[in-house]
Amino acid sequence: MKILVVGGGGREHAIIKKIKENPTVEKIYALPGNGGIAEDAECVAIGAKEIDKIVDFAVSNQIDYAVVAPDDPLVLGAVDKLNEAGIACFGPRANAAIIEGSKIFSKNLMKKYGIPTAKYEVFTTMDEALEYLKDAPIPTVIKADGLALGKGVVIAMTRDEAYDAVRSMMADKVFGESGSRIVIEEFLSGPEVSVLSFTDGKTVVPMISSMDHKRALDGDKGLNTGGMGTIAPNPYYTDEIAEICMRDIFLPTINAMNAEGRTFKGCLYFGLMITKDGPKVIEYNCRFGDPETQVVLPLLDGDLLSIMQACTNGTLAETAVSFKDKSACCVIMASDGYPGKYAGGFEITREADLDAEVYIAGAKIVDGKLVNAGGRVLGVVAIGDTLKEAIDASYANVKKVHFENAFYRKDIGKRAMEVFNEK
């Protein structure tokens, strides 16, 4: 089979490495891919949002199956156009991808169908939002309606921070048109859990849970990032919580999308908070998370491509999906200065006795050498029989990967270990 994977980050590298395990796969193309992905697939310089060019490439190269991984092309209708050209795809069509593409849509969906989430109000003008904030409970959460590279959410701890967030989104347009409408919602507290799930629009199969670490610095300090590391499974996601989520959140969401004529097929990501009143939805994503994918897929005990095809074909209920009874840890190595300004062009080297998966996110080939070319450069992922073993192995291997301005958090998994120690 000829496979096409749209995207060019660490998530896509993890997907490609897992798809390669299927013996029927002859060739994988990555559009656009990156310097590290080039070790596992042929990279083609077509951007993830260049939908017409992606379709033309898929047709001319007789692609058998396409995986559209990032949010932007999904929301822009990449799956729709590939399907129209006769290319089978993993990923939702545009009318279902709106579950991530519009915060207002997803909040209204949850309200209409009784899916537990934070209380909220929607605003289309800045004056109305600022007036509402005069008496709103603080802390509060302010979200841009549309896609914003995962950065369109502000947790305002003071009223002034809330005012500033509204002005920056609606007046200064820091997120472009994504901030022309906003959601202001109740601040929830509790541990966060990420649950990716496979679905064919009828059956939902949750993957192993994970815990992301968003802040740039140790102790969950510093600026928000796209994710500095992950562990799986998440100790807060107990069997009891999993049952509640399936009953009250996962199946109701799939059923709600069907009722709206927006059948969702692909990977539906549930961002959850385990509150004192039970699990609630913080956000939906219409695709694999990054860097959650980097710890979830290595624990998948089976063939990813067959599962993806089952999601497309509506046969997920008859398809075996299981995960190893192990733990995984991903430590992101970033360019110093991220998520602000950073320098690139430093060669990335790996020692010969490296004993972990390395998923490349932001790197390119220059003069035959792999060099850093992004904020988040790569993820070092190790598996262990216990979470401690996975964490220790990941950090041992981080020391075997080198580039000049590398930085990384030293406490990935620490919170999770504290939970295990309390039990």
Protein backbone atom coordinates (compact mmCIF):
# COMPACT_ATOMS: atom_id res chain seq x y z
CA MET A 1 0.00 0.00 0.00
CA LYS A 2 1.00 3.60 -0.63
CA ILE A 3 0.25 5.81 2.38
CA LEU A 4 0.15 9.59 2.61
CA VAL A 5 0.45 11.36 5.98
CA VAL A 6 -0.37 15.06 6.09
CA GLY A 7 1.64 17.02 8.66
CA GLY A 8 5.21 17.57 9.77
CA GLY A 9 5.66 17.30 13.53
CA GLY A 10 6.46 14.83 16.28
CA ARG A 11 2.92 13.50 16.24
CA GLU A 12 3.20 12.67 12.54
CA HIS A 13 6.59 11.02 13.09
CA ALA A 14 5.02 8.76 15.75
CA ILE A 15 2.11 7.91 13.43
CA ILE A 16 4.44 7.10 10.53
CA LYS A 17 6.70 4.87 12.63
CA LYS A 18 3.68 2.91 13.85
CA ILE A 19 2.11 2.61 10.38
CA LYS A 20 5.43 1.27 9.04
CA GLU A 21 4.94 -1.84 11.18
CA ASN A 22 2.17 -3.01 8.82
CA PRO A 23 3.74 -5.42 6.30
CA THR A 24 1.42 -4.31 3.48
CA VAL A 25 2.90 -0.79 3.51
CA GLU A 26 5.27 -0.28 0.58
CA LYS A 27 5.71 3.47 0.66
CA ILE A 28 4.87 6.38 2.97
CA TYR A 29 4.84 10.00 1.86
CA ALA A 30 4.83 12.85 4.40
CA LEU A 31 3.48 16.25 3.33
CA PRO A 32 5.49 18.25 4.28
CA GLY A 33 7.25 16.06 6.87
CA ASN A 34 10.55 17.24 8.39
CA GLY A 35 14.24 16.36 8.48
CA GLY A 36 13.74 13.55 10.99
CA ILE A 37 10.63 12.12 9.36
CA ALA A 38 12.74 11.83 6.19
CA GLU A 39 14.40 8.79 7.82
CA ASP A 40 11.06 6.94 7.74
CA ALA A 41 9.11 8.44 4.83
CA GLU A 42 9.59 10.42 1.64
CA CYS A 43 8.97 14.08 2.46
CA VAL A 44 7.29 16.29 -0.12
CA ALA A 45 7.36 20.08 0.14
CA ILE A 46 3.60 20.60 0.17
CA GLY A 47 2.17 22.42 3.18
CA ALA A 48 -0.53 20.84 5.35
CA LYS A 49 -3.01 23.59 4.42
CA GLU A 50 -2.38 23.38 0.64
CA ILE A 51 -5.41 21.16 0.17
CA ASP A 52 -5.64 21.22 -3.63
CA LYS A 53 -1.94 20.37 -3.98
CA ILE A 54 -2.33 17.52 -1.46
CA VAL A 55 -5.24 16.09 -3.46
CA ASP A 56 -3.37 16.42 -6.76
CA PHE A 57 -0.36 14.63 -5.26
CA ALA A 58 -2.49 11.85 -3.82
CA VAL A 59 -4.21 11.23 -7.14
CA SER A 60 -1.09 11.40 -9.30
CA ASN A 61 0.81 9.06 -6.96
CA GLN A 62 -2.08 6.61 -6.66
CA ILE A 63 -2.25 6.85 -2.87
CA ASP A 64 -4.22 3.98 -1.31
CA TYR A 65 -4.88 5.61 2.06
CA ALA A 66 -4.31 9.05 3.58
CA VAL A 67 -3.97 10.14 7.20
CA VAL A 68 -4.73 13.81 7.83
CA ALA A 69 -3.18 14.52 11.23
CA PRO A 70 -3.25 18.30 12.00
CA ASP A 71 -6.32 20.35 12.89
CA ASP A 72 -6.08 23.06 10.19
CA PRO A 73 -6.42 20.82 7.11
CA LEU A 74 -9.19 18.82 8.79
CA VAL A 75 -11.20 21.96 9.52
CA LEU A 76 -10.47 23.21 5.99
CA GLY A 77 -11.98 20.06 4.48
CA ALA A 78 -8.94 18.03 3.43
CA VAL A 79 -10.75 14.73 4.06
CA ASP A 80 -13.80 15.87 2.07
CA LYS A 81 -11.68 16.78 -0.95
CA LEU A 82 -9.55 13.64 -0.76
CA ASN A 83 -12.70 11.52 -0.53
CA GLU A 84 -14.17 13.31 -3.55
CA ALA A 85 -11.01 12.35 -5.45
CA GLY A 86 -11.49 8.70 -4.46
CA ILE A 87 -8.87 8.60 -1.68
CA ALA A 88 -9.86 6.84 1.55
CA CYS A 89 -8.83 8.80 4.65
CA PHE A 90 -8.39 8.65 8.38
CA GLY A 91 -9.82 11.80 9.90
CA PRO A 92 -13.15 13.60 10.17
CA ARG A 93 -14.81 15.55 7.41
CA ALA A 94 -15.04 19.32 7.85
CA ASN A 95 -18.57 19.31 9.24
CA ALA A 96 -17.37 17.04 12.09
CA ALA A 97 -13.96 18.69 12.56
CA ILE A 98 -15.88 21.79 13.67
CA ILE A 99 -15.96 20.16 17.12
CA GLU A 100 -12.44 21.56 17.46
CA GLY A 101 -12.69 24.31 14.86
CA SER A 102 -15.27 26.25 16.89
CA LYS A 103 -15.27 26.40 20.69
CA ILE A 104 -18.74 27.92 20.50
CA PHE A 105 -20.04 24.97 18.48
CA SER A 106 -18.60 22.43 20.91
CA LYS A 107 -19.84 24.25 24.02
CA ASN A 108 -23.33 24.58 22.55
CA LEU A 109 -23.28 20.90 21.57
CA MET A 110 -22.43 19.87 25.14
CA LYS A 111 -25.12 22.13 26.57
CA LYS A 112 -27.78 20.83 24.16
CA TYR A 113 -27.03 17.16 24.84
CA GLY A 114 -26.22 17.35 28.55
CA ILE A 115 -22.52 16.51 28.32
CA PRO A 116 -20.73 17.74 31.46
CA THR A 117 -18.60 20.85 30.91
CA ALA A 118 -17.91 24.24 32.49
CA LYS A 119 -20.66 26.88 32.51
CA TYR A 120 -20.06 29.51 29.83
CA GLU A 121 -21.23 32.57 27.92
CA VAL A 122 -20.56 33.50 24.28
CA PHE A 123 -19.62 37.02 23.16
CA THR A 124 -19.42 38.57 19.71
CA THR A 125 -18.51 42.12 20.80
CA MET A 126 -15.75 43.29 23.09
CA ASP A 127 -17.95 45.77 24.99
CA GLU A 128 -20.41 43.03 25.98
CA ALA A 129 -17.57 40.77 27.12
CA LEU A 130 -15.94 43.50 29.21
CA GLU A 131 -19.28 44.42 30.78
CA TYR A 132 -19.91 40.77 31.69
CA LEU A 133 -16.47 40.50 33.31
CA LYS A 134 -17.25 43.30 35.78
CA ASP A 135 -19.25 40.86 37.90
CA ALA A 136 -18.02 37.48 36.63
CA PRO A 137 -16.41 35.04 39.09
CA ILE A 138 -12.59 35.16 39.08
CA PRO A 139 -10.53 33.16 38.12
CA THR A 140 -12.18 32.69 34.73
CA VAL A 141 -11.24 31.14 31.40
CA ILE A 142 -11.32 33.04 28.11
CA LYS A 143 -11.17 31.14 24.81
CA ALA A 144 -10.92 32.28 21.22
CA ASP A 145 -13.63 30.57 19.19
CA GLY A 146 -11.44 29.29 16.35
CA LEU A 147 -8.13 27.48 15.95
CA ALA A 148 -5.14 29.27 17.44
CA LEU A 149 -2.30 26.73 17.39
CA GLY A 150 -3.40 25.48 20.80
CA LYS A 151 -2.74 28.92 22.31
CA GLY A 152 -6.18 30.51 22.19
CA VAL A 153 -7.00 29.90 25.86
CA VAL A 154 -6.22 32.26 28.74
CA ILE A 155 -6.77 31.36 32.40
CA ALA A 156 -7.24 34.77 33.98
CA MET A 157 -6.42 34.79 37.70
CA THR A 158 -7.40 38.46 38.15
CA ARG A 159 -10.08 40.70 36.65
CA ASP A 160 -7.42 42.84 34.93
CA GLU A 161 -5.93 39.74 33.31
CA ALA A 162 -9.40 38.85 32.04
CA TYR A 163 -9.92 42.35 30.60
CA ASP A 164 -6.49 42.18 28.92
CA ALA A 165 -7.23 38.76 27.42
CA VAL A 166 -10.51 39.94 25.90
CA ARG A 167 -8.90 43.06 24.43
CA SER A 168 -5.96 41.14 22.98
CA MET A 169 -8.27 38.61 21.31
CA MET A 170 -11.08 40.88 20.12
CA ALA A 171 -9.37 44.25 19.54
CA ASP A 172 -5.70 43.42 18.93
CA LYS A 173 -6.58 40.23 16.99
CA VAL A 174 -3.61 38.30 18.41
CA PHE A 175 -5.26 35.12 17.09
CA GLY A 176 -6.62 36.72 13.91
CA GLU A 177 -10.26 36.03 13.12
CA SER A 178 -10.24 33.11 15.59
CA GLY A 179 -10.73 35.69 18.34
CA SER A 180 -13.56 37.64 16.72
CA ARG A 181 -15.94 35.57 18.87
CA ILE A 182 -14.99 34.33 22.33
CA VAL A 183 -16.20 32.06 25.09
CA ILE A 184 -15.90 33.07 28.74
CA GLU A 185 -16.32 30.08 30.97
CA GLU A 186 -16.28 28.92 34.55
CA PHE A 187 -12.87 28.07 36.00
CA LEU A 188 -12.72 24.40 36.93
CA SER A 189 -10.17 22.81 39.23
CA GLY A 190 -8.87 19.27 39.42
CA PRO A 191 -6.38 17.03 37.62
CA GLU A 192 -6.39 17.09 33.83
CA VAL A 193 -6.51 13.94 31.71
CA SER A 194 -6.08 13.49 27.97
CA VAL A 195 -7.95 10.60 26.34
CA LEU A 196 -7.54 9.97 22.63
CA SER A 197 -10.13 7.68 21.10
CA PHE A 198 -10.68 5.78 17.89
CA THR A 199 -14.19 6.05 16.47
CA ASP A 200 -16.01 5.03 13.30
CA GLY A 201 -19.04 7.15 14.17
CA LYS A 202 -20.77 4.28 15.98
CA THR A 203 -18.21 2.63 18.26
CA VAL A 204 -15.79 4.51 20.52
CA VAL A 205 -12.57 2.84 21.65
CA PRO A 206 -10.60 4.99 24.10
CA MET A 207 -6.83 4.71 23.91
CA ILE A 208 -4.63 4.60 26.98
CA SER A 209 -4.90 7.85 28.99
CA SER A 210 -2.08 10.38 29.23
CA MET A 211 -0.93 13.45 31.14
CA ASP A 212 0.49 16.49 29.34
CA HIS A 213 2.88 19.08 30.82
CA LYS A 214 2.08 22.42 29.18
CA ARG A 215 4.24 24.90 31.06
CA ALA A 216 7.76 25.60 29.81
CA LEU A 217 9.56 25.29 33.14
CA ASP A 218 9.85 22.82 36.02
CA GLY A 219 7.15 22.96 38.65
CA ASP A 220 4.56 23.89 36.03
CA LYS A 221 5.94 27.41 35.83
CA GLY A 222 6.68 29.67 32.88
CA LEU A 223 4.72 30.22 29.70
CA ASN A 224 2.23 27.82 28.16
CA THR A 225 3.67 25.72 25.34
CA GLY A 226 2.44 23.11 22.90
CA GLY A 227 3.55 20.52 25.46
CA MET A 228 6.92 19.83 27.12
CA GLY A 229 6.32 16.15 27.79
CA THR A 230 3.78 13.45 28.52
CA ILE A 231 3.34 10.23 30.45
CA ALA A 232 0.90 7.35 30.02
CA PRO A 233 -1.20 6.05 31.59
CA ASN A 234 -2.54 8.92 33.69
CA PRO A 235 -2.95 7.75 37.32
CA TYR A 236 -5.98 10.01 37.85
CA TYR A 237 -7.89 8.12 35.15
CA THR A 238 -9.13 5.19 37.21
CA ASP A 239 -11.36 2.37 35.97
CA GLU A 240 -14.28 4.03 37.75
CA ILE A 241 -13.62 7.38 36.04
CA ALA A 242 -13.26 5.59 32.69
CA GLU A 243 -16.73 4.03 33.08
CA ILE A 244 -18.27 7.40 33.91
CA CYS A 245 -16.58 9.01 30.91
CA MET A 246 -17.80 6.33 28.52
CA ARG A 247 -21.37 6.65 29.82
CA ASP A 248 -21.62 10.42 30.27
CA ILE A 249 -19.10 11.88 27.79
CA PHE A 250 -17.67 9.60 25.08
CA LEU A 251 -20.78 7.85 23.74
CA PRO A 252 -23.04 10.89 24.23
CA THR A 253 -20.61 13.00 22.18
CA ILE A 254 -20.59 10.53 19.28
CA ASN A 255 -24.39 10.23 19.47
CA ALA A 256 -24.77 14.02 19.59
CA MET A 257 -22.62 14.46 16.49
CA ASN A 258 -24.71 11.84 14.67
CA ALA A 259 -27.92 13.58 15.71
CA GLU A 260 -26.53 16.83 14.28
CA GLY A 261 -25.73 15.14 10.96
CA ARG A 262 -22.00 15.47 11.64
CA THR A 263 -20.84 11.86 12.03
CA PHE A 264 -17.31 11.86 13.39
CA LYS A 265 -14.80 9.28 12.11
CA GLY A 266 -11.14 9.29 13.11
CA CYS A 267 -9.41 10.24 16.35
CA LEU A 268 -11.50 12.26 18.80
CA TYR A 269 -9.48 13.75 21.63
CA PHE A 270 -11.17 14.38 24.95
CA GLY A 271 -9.46 16.94 27.19
CA LEU A 272 -10.94 16.23 30.61
CA MET A 273 -10.80 17.66 34.11
CA ILE A 274 -11.62 15.41 37.05
CA THR A 275 -13.54 17.85 39.26
CA LYS A 276 -15.14 17.24 42.66
CA ASP A 277 -18.40 16.84 40.71
CA GLY A 278 -16.93 14.23 38.37
CA PRO A 279 -15.19 14.38 34.98
CA LYS A 280 -16.00 17.31 32.70
CA VAL A 281 -14.91 18.21 29.17
CA ILE A 282 -12.42 21.07 28.90
CA GLU A 283 -12.02 20.74 25.15
CA TYR A 284 -12.35 18.45 22.16
CA ASN A 285 -9.71 18.01 19.48
CA CYS A 286 -10.58 16.47 16.13
CA ARG A 287 -7.24 14.63 15.84
CA PHE A 288 -4.36 13.00 17.68
CA GLY A 289 -2.83 15.27 20.32
CA ASP A 290 0.80 16.35 20.31
CA PRO A 291 2.77 15.22 22.33
CA GLU A 292 0.21 12.76 23.74
CA THR A 293 0.45 10.64 20.60
CA GLN A 294 4.15 10.07 21.27
CA VAL A 295 3.40 8.08 24.45
CA VAL A 296 0.08 6.51 23.42
CA LEU A 297 1.04 4.90 20.10
CA PRO A 298 4.18 3.09 21.37
CA LEU A 299 1.88 1.35 23.88
CA LEU A 300 -0.59 0.27 21.19
CA ASP A 301 -0.37 -3.50 21.02
CA GLY A 302 -1.41 -4.02 17.43
CA ASP A 303 -1.60 -2.65 13.93
CA LEU A 304 -2.42 1.05 13.73
CA LEU A 305 -3.18 1.08 10.02
CA SER A 306 -5.81 -1.67 10.30
CA ILE A 307 -7.48 0.19 13.17
CA MET A 308 -7.49 3.42 11.17
CA GLN A 309 -9.05 1.64 8.19
CA ALA A 310 -11.71 0.16 10.49
CA CYS A 311 -12.59 3.69 11.61
CA THR A 312 -12.97 4.71 7.97
CA ASN A 313 -14.94 1.59 6.99
CA GLY A 314 -17.26 1.49 10.01
CA THR A 315 -15.92 -1.85 11.29
CA LEU A 316 -14.27 -0.74 14.52
CA ALA A 317 -16.54 -2.94 16.67
CA GLU A 318 -15.07 -6.03 14.98
CA THR A 319 -11.45 -4.84 15.21
CA ALA A 320 -9.14 -5.75 18.08
CA VAL A 321 -7.63 -2.75 19.88
CA SER A 322 -5.44 -3.32 22.93
CA PHE A 323 -2.63 -1.63 24.78
CA LYS A 324 0.45 -2.98 26.53
CA ASP A 325 0.33 -3.18 30.31
CA LYS A 326 3.29 -0.83 30.54
CA SER A 327 4.03 2.86 30.97
CA ALA A 328 5.61 5.43 28.66
CA CYS A 329 7.31 8.79 29.13
CA CYS A 330 8.09 11.46 26.53
CA VAL A 331 10.51 14.28 27.33
CA ILE A 332 10.44 17.12 24.80
CA MET A 333 13.79 18.69 23.96
CA ALA A 334 13.16 22.26 22.82
CA SER A 335 15.24 25.15 21.51
CA ASP A 336 16.30 27.51 24.29
CA GLY A 337 13.89 30.46 24.38
CA TYR A 338 10.80 28.50 23.31
CA PRO A 339 7.90 29.41 23.33
CA GLY A 340 9.44 32.81 22.60
CA LYS A 341 12.32 33.54 20.23
CA TYR A 342 14.94 30.86 19.70
CA ALA A 343 17.89 30.14 17.44
CA GLY A 344 18.06 27.30 14.91
CA GLY A 345 20.63 25.61 12.74
CA PHE A 346 22.41 23.58 15.43
CA GLU A 347 23.27 20.00 14.51
CA ILE A 348 21.35 17.24 16.31
CA THR A 349 23.42 14.17 17.16
CA ARG A 350 22.48 10.89 18.84
CA GLU A 351 24.82 8.51 20.62
CA ALA A 352 25.13 4.99 19.25
CA ASP A 353 23.74 3.27 22.36
CA LEU A 354 20.51 5.30 22.36
CA ASP A 355 17.77 3.00 23.65
CA ALA A 356 14.57 4.98 23.10
CA GLU A 357 12.33 6.23 20.32
CA VAL A 358 13.17 9.74 19.11
CA TYR A 359 10.31 11.51 17.36
CA ILE A 360 11.48 14.57 15.44
CA ALA A 361 9.21 17.64 15.50
CA GLY A 362 11.19 20.72 14.46
CA ALA A 363 14.26 19.87 12.40
CA LYS A 364 15.50 19.99 8.82
CA ILE A 365 18.38 18.66 6.78
CA VAL A 366 21.08 21.24 5.96
CA ASP A 367 24.22 20.13 4.11
CA GLY A 368 23.44 16.54 4.96
CA LYS A 369 23.08 17.24 8.68
CA LEU A 370 19.95 17.21 10.85
CA VAL A 371 19.62 20.61 12.55
CA ASN A 372 17.02 22.15 14.85
CA ALA A 373 14.46 24.31 13.07
CA GLY A 374 11.60 24.70 15.51
CA GLY A 375 10.67 25.48 19.10
CA ARG A 376 9.88 21.91 20.08
CA VAL A 377 12.66 19.97 18.38
CA LEU A 378 12.12 16.33 19.35
CA GLY A 379 10.66 13.95 21.90
CA VAL A 380 12.59 11.16 23.60
CA VAL A 381 10.21 8.31 24.45
CA ALA A 382 10.90 5.27 26.61
CA ILE A 383 8.68 2.42 27.80
CA GLY A 384 8.95 0.65 31.15
CA ASP A 385 7.12 -1.92 33.21
CA THR A 386 6.41 0.89 35.68
CA LEU A 387 6.09 4.63 35.25
CA LYS A 388 9.30 5.19 37.21
CA GLU A 389 11.19 2.86 34.88
CA ALA A 390 9.81 4.71 31.84
CA ILE A 391 10.72 8.13 33.28
CA ASP A 392 14.22 7.04 34.28
CA ALA A 393 14.86 5.47 30.87
CA SER A 394 13.59 8.53 29.03
CA TYR A 395 15.87 10.90 30.95
CA ALA A 396 18.85 8.53 30.60
CA ASN A 397 18.36 8.69 26.84
CA VAL A 398 17.82 12.46 26.77
CA LYS A 399 21.47 12.72 27.83
CA LYS A 400 22.41 10.83 24.65
CA VAL A 401 20.77 13.36 22.31
CA HIS A 402 22.62 16.61 21.73
CA PHE A 403 22.18 19.99 20.07
CA GLU A 404 23.73 23.26 21.16
CA ASN A 405 20.80 25.21 22.60
CA ALA A 406 18.68 22.32 23.91
CA PHE A 407 16.54 22.70 27.01
CA TYR A 408 13.97 20.43 28.62
CA ARG A 409 11.98 20.06 31.80
CA LYS A 410 13.54 17.86 34.48
CA ASP A 411 10.25 16.90 36.15
CA ILE A 412 8.10 15.19 33.51
CA GLY A 413 6.02 12.59 35.32
CA LYS A 414 6.75 13.91 38.80
CA ARG A 415 3.11 14.76 39.55
CA ALA A 416 1.99 11.36 38.34
CA MET A 417 4.56 9.61 40.52
CA GLU A 418 3.27 11.54 43.54
CA VAL A 419 -0.20 10.13 42.87
CA PHE A 420 1.16 6.58 42.72
CA ASN A 421 3.07 7.14 45.95
CA GLU A 422 -0.08 8.34 47.69
CA LYS A 423 -1.93 5.12 46.85
